């Protein structure tokens, strides 16, 4: 069994880390949306040809997809950290209830 202060510190650290990863996910989503805004019409590229326009579109799509995937992964990581926090607290509570009175004399 851990000291209650140690449990609180560990639980707070997991919660704080989860908040950081949530923020990372939000920023990556914002970046992905900004990249989508970089789409352009083929009129802008008409002097360079369809191949450049197609390549540019492919790059924009790829970068946006990578950023969205990163956002989803960061958010999933935050959720997992919260799950670990809850499991840690629950297991510690179970251990305390199991061992309470274990060494006391039974009459």
Protein backbone atom coordinates (compact mmCIF):
# COMPACT_ATOMS: atom_id res chain seq x y z
CA UNK A 1 0.00 0.00 0.00
CA UNK A 2 1.18 3.44 -0.88
CA UNK A 3 0.95 6.43 1.39
CA UNK A 4 -2.24 8.44 0.67
CA UNK A 5 -0.11 11.47 -0.22
CA UNK A 6 1.83 9.38 -2.75
CA UNK A 7 -1.44 8.20 -4.29
CA UNK A 8 -2.69 11.78 -4.56
CA UNK A 9 0.56 12.94 -6.17
CA UNK A 10 0.54 10.07 -8.68
CA UNK A 11 -3.15 10.59 -9.50
CA UNK A 12 -2.61 14.34 -9.96
CA UNK A 13 0.39 13.70 -12.22
CA UNK A 14 -1.63 11.35 -14.42
CA UNK A 15 -4.49 13.86 -14.58
CA UNK A 16 -2.10 16.70 -15.46
CA UNK A 17 -0.42 14.62 -18.16
CA UNK A 18 -3.81 13.77 -19.63
CA UNK A 19 -4.67 17.48 -19.77
CA UNK A 20 -1.43 18.18 -21.64
CA UNK A 21 -2.24 15.50 -24.23
CA UNK A 22 -5.78 16.87 -24.60
CA UNK A 23 -4.27 20.26 -25.35
CA UNK A 24 -1.88 18.71 -27.89
CA UNK A 25 -4.85 17.03 -29.57
CA UNK A 26 -6.74 20.33 -29.74
CA UNK A 27 -3.77 22.15 -31.24
CA UNK A 28 -3.26 19.43 -33.83
CA UNK A 29 -6.93 19.66 -34.82
CA UNK A 30 -6.57 23.43 -35.15
CA UNK A 31 -3.50 22.92 -37.34
CA UNK A 32 -5.29 20.33 -39.49
CA UNK A 33 -8.17 22.73 -40.06
CA UNK A 34 -5.72 25.49 -40.96
CA UNK A 35 -4.02 23.22 -43.49
CA UNK A 36 -7.37 22.40 -45.08
CA UNK A 37 -7.81 26.16 -45.47
CA UNK A 38 -4.72 26.18 -47.70
CA UNK A 39 -6.67 24.46 -50.46
CA UNK A 40 -6.67 26.46 -53.60
CA UNK A 41 -8.61 26.51 -56.80
CA UNK A 42 -7.06 25.21 -59.97
CA UNK A 43 -7.28 28.77 -61.35
CA UNK A 44 -4.40 29.76 -59.09
CA UNK A 45 -2.27 27.01 -60.62
CA UNK A 46 -3.50 27.31 -64.21
CA UNK A 47 -0.23 28.85 -65.35
CA UNK A 48 1.69 25.85 -63.92
CA UNK A 49 -0.59 23.08 -65.09
CA UNK A 50 -2.78 20.36 -63.67
CA UNK A 51 0.13 18.26 -62.38
CA UNK A 52 1.22 20.95 -59.91
CA UNK A 53 -2.35 21.49 -58.75
CA UNK A 54 -2.80 17.75 -58.20
CA UNK A 55 0.50 17.49 -56.30
CA UNK A 56 -0.36 20.48 -54.13
CA UNK A 57 -3.75 18.97 -53.30
CA UNK A 58 -2.13 15.65 -52.41
CA UNK A 59 0.30 17.37 -50.03
CA UNK A 60 -2.48 19.37 -48.36
CA UNK A 61 -4.58 16.21 -47.91
CA UNK A 62 -1.63 14.22 -46.53
CA UNK A 63 -0.57 16.89 -44.03
CA UNK A 64 -4.15 17.38 -42.87
CA UNK A 65 -4.62 13.63 -42.44
CA UNK A 66 -1.37 13.29 -40.47
CA UNK A 67 -2.41 16.12 -38.17
CA UNK A 68 -5.87 14.62 -37.65
CA UNK A 69 -4.31 11.22 -36.88
CA UNK A 70 -1.94 12.88 -34.42
CA UNK A 71 -4.86 14.63 -32.76
CA UNK A 72 -6.80 11.38 -32.42
CA UNK A 73 -3.75 9.61 -31.00
CA UNK A 74 -3.06 12.39 -28.48
CA UNK A 75 -6.68 12.39 -27.35
CA UNK A 76 -6.66 8.60 -27.03
CA UNK A 77 -3.47 8.86 -24.97
CA UNK A 78 -5.16 11.35 -22.64
CA UNK A 79 -8.11 9.01 -22.22
CA UNK A 80 -5.79 6.10 -21.47
CA UNK A 81 -3.92 8.15 -18.85
CA UNK A 82 -7.24 8.88 -17.15
CA UNK A 83 -8.13 5.18 -17.27
CA UNK A 84 -4.79 4.29 -15.66
CA UNK A 85 -5.39 6.93 -12.99
CA UNK A 86 -8.81 5.47 -12.14
CA UNK A 87 -7.44 1.92 -12.14
CA UNK A 88 -4.56 2.93 -9.87
CA UNK A 89 -6.89 4.60 -7.37
CA UNK A 90 -9.38 1.70 -7.49
CA UNK A 91 -6.64 -0.92 -6.98
CA UNK A 92 -5.19 1.01 -4.08
CA UNK A 93 -8.62 1.30 -2.46
CA UNK A 94 -9.16 -2.44 -2.98
CA UNK A 95 -5.79 -3.21 -1.40
CA UNK A 96 -6.59 -1.04 1.62
CA UNK A 97 -9.96 -2.69 2.15
CA UNK A 98 -8.42 -6.17 1.74
CA UNK A 99 -5.57 -5.62 4.17
CA UNK A 100 -7.43 -3.57 6.77
CA UNK A 101 -7.59 -5.65 9.90
CA UNK A 102 -5.59 -8.47 8.36
CA UNK A 103 -3.09 -8.53 11.21
CA UNK A 104 -5.58 -7.93 13.98
CA UNK A 105 -6.35 -10.77 16.34
CA UNK A 106 -9.64 -12.47 15.62
CA UNK A 107 -11.72 -13.21 18.72
